[in-house]
Amino acid sequence: MNRDIELKKLAERIKSVRLEKKISQEALAHKCDFDRTYISLLERAKRNPTYFNLIRLCEGLEISIDELVKGL
């Protein structure tokens, strides 16, 4: 497993779901109680989210973790 490739796939999925739901990075950050720059870093695969931050992110996106990572 190549960690960089897997993190990039997750980053692309996060951004894709956010855009499908028509949520800005700022609005998502507010819903998750994150800084907007953290969302940007996640979407560019510059940060690897902890499990608990992934839970908060999915709550903000209103999806399950299963839905987010399905097929990755």
C-alpha atoms as a PDB file:
ATOM      1  CA  MET A   1       0.000   0.000   0.000  1.00  0.00           C
ATOM      2  CA  ASN A   2       1.314   3.421  -0.963  1.00  0.00           C
ATOM      3  CA  ARG A   3       0.205   5.873   1.726  1.00  0.00           C
ATOM      4  CA  ASP A   4       0.541   8.928  -0.523  1.00  0.00           C
ATOM      5  CA  ILE A   5      -1.708   7.408  -3.182  1.00  0.00           C
ATOM      6  CA  GLU A   6      -4.308   6.318  -0.619  1.00  0.00           C
ATOM      7  CA  LEU A   7      -4.321   9.753   1.031  1.00  0.00           C
ATOM      8  CA  LYS A   8      -4.731  11.393  -2.388  1.00  0.00           C
ATOM      9  CA  LYS A   9      -7.749   9.165  -3.121  1.00  0.00           C
ATOM     10  CA  LEU A  10      -9.327  10.129   0.199  1.00  0.00           C
ATOM     11  CA  ALA A  11      -8.614  13.808  -0.467  1.00  0.00           C
ATOM     12  CA  GLU A  12     -10.274  13.622  -3.879  1.00  0.00           C
ATOM     13  CA  ARG A  13     -13.309  11.869  -2.397  1.00  0.00           C
ATOM     14  CA  ILE A  14     -13.705  14.491   0.351  1.00  0.00           C
ATOM     15  CA  LYS A  15     -13.623  17.287  -2.199  1.00  0.00           C
ATOM     16  CA  SER A  16     -15.954  15.446  -4.573  1.00  0.00           C
ATOM     17  CA  VAL A  17     -18.583  14.853  -1.886  1.00  0.00           C
ATOM     18  CA  ARG A  18     -18.325  18.447  -0.679  1.00  0.00           C
ATOM     19  CA  LEU A  19     -18.828  19.773  -4.194  1.00  0.00           C
ATOM     20  CA  GLU A  20     -21.724  17.362  -4.883  1.00  0.00           C
ATOM     21  CA  LYS A  21     -23.437  18.722  -1.797  1.00  0.00           C
ATOM     22  CA  LYS A  22     -22.646  22.292  -2.868  1.00  0.00           C
ATOM     23  CA  ILE A  23     -20.957  23.149   0.419  1.00  0.00           C
ATOM     24  CA  SER A  24     -18.103  25.638   0.538  1.00  0.00           C
ATOM     25  CA  GLN A  25     -14.936  24.804   2.418  1.00  0.00           C
ATOM     26  CA  GLU A  26     -15.821  27.546   4.873  1.00  0.00           C
ATOM     27  CA  ALA A  27     -19.340  26.205   5.487  1.00  0.00           C
ATOM     28  CA  LEU A  28     -18.050  22.657   5.938  1.00  0.00           C
ATOM     29  CA  ALA A  29     -15.359  23.844   8.326  1.00  0.00           C
ATOM     30  CA  HIS A  30     -18.002  25.672  10.361  1.00  0.00           C
ATOM     31  CA  LYS A  31     -20.216  22.563  10.517  1.00  0.00           C
ATOM     32  CA  CYS A  32     -17.277  20.423  11.666  1.00  0.00           C
ATOM     33  CA  ASP A  33     -15.750  23.033  13.975  1.00  0.00           C
ATOM     34  CA  PHE A  34     -12.546  23.014  11.909  1.00  0.00           C
ATOM     35  CA  ASP A  35     -10.573  25.870  10.432  1.00  0.00           C
ATOM     36  CA  ARG A  36     -11.202  26.381   6.702  1.00  0.00           C
ATOM     37  CA  THR A  37      -7.520  25.869   6.005  1.00  0.00           C
ATOM     38  CA  TYR A  38      -7.754  22.381   7.529  1.00  0.00           C
ATOM     39  CA  ILE A  39     -10.430  21.446   4.967  1.00  0.00           C
ATOM     40  CA  SER A  40      -8.183  22.801   2.218  1.00  0.00           C
ATOM     41  CA  LEU A  41      -5.231  20.781   3.507  1.00  0.00           C
ATOM     42  CA  LEU A  42      -7.362  17.619   3.634  1.00  0.00           C
ATOM     43  CA  GLU A  43      -8.570  18.137   0.075  1.00  0.00           C
ATOM     44  CA  ARG A  44      -5.014  18.589  -1.170  1.00  0.00           C
ATOM     45  CA  ALA A  45      -3.767  15.501   0.695  1.00  0.00           C
ATOM     46  CA  LYS A  46      -1.482  17.633   2.840  1.00  0.00           C
ATOM     47  CA  ARG A  47      -3.034  16.350   6.084  1.00  0.00           C
ATOM     48  CA  ASN A  48      -3.988  12.860   7.173  1.00  0.00           C
ATOM     49  CA  PRO A  49      -7.128  13.118   9.320  1.00  0.00           C
ATOM     50  CA  THR A  50      -7.389  11.250  12.595  1.00  0.00           C
ATOM     51  CA  TYR A  51     -10.268   8.835  13.002  1.00  0.00           C
ATOM     52  CA  PHE A  52     -12.157  11.296  15.203  1.00  0.00           C
ATOM     53  CA  ASN A  53     -11.683  14.141  12.731  1.00  0.00           C
ATOM     54  CA  LEU A  54     -12.903  11.825   9.980  1.00  0.00           C
ATOM     55  CA  ILE A  55     -16.045  11.204  12.035  1.00  0.00           C
ATOM     56  CA  ARG A  56     -16.596  14.964  12.431  1.00  0.00           C
ATOM     57  CA  LEU A  57     -15.966  15.511   8.726  1.00  0.00           C
ATOM     58  CA  CYS A  58     -18.512  12.865   7.754  1.00  0.00           C
ATOM     59  CA  GLU A  59     -21.049  14.340  10.150  1.00  0.00           C
ATOM     60  CA  GLY A  60     -20.528  17.707   8.457  1.00  0.00           C
ATOM     61  CA  LEU A  61     -20.956  16.117   5.035  1.00  0.00           C
ATOM     62  CA  GLU A  62     -23.969  14.170   6.336  1.00  0.00           C
ATOM     63  CA  ILE A  63     -22.611  10.810   5.179  1.00  0.00           C
ATOM     64  CA  SER A  64     -21.192   7.761   6.906  1.00  0.00           C
ATOM     65  CA  ILE A  65     -17.521   6.909   6.914  1.00  0.00           C
ATOM     66  CA  ASP A  66     -18.471   3.790   4.924  1.00  0.00           C
ATOM     67  CA  GLU A  67     -19.939   5.989   2.187  1.00  0.00           C
ATOM     68  CA  LEU A  68     -16.874   8.217   2.143  1.00  0.00           C
ATOM     69  CA  VAL A  69     -14.331   5.433   1.790  1.00  0.00           C
ATOM     70  CA  LYS A  70     -16.373   2.999  -0.324  1.00  0.00           C
ATOM     71  CA  GLY A  71     -14.309   1.850  -3.277  1.00  0.00           C
ATOM     72  CA  LEU A  72     -11.079   3.505  -2.217  1.00  0.00           C
END
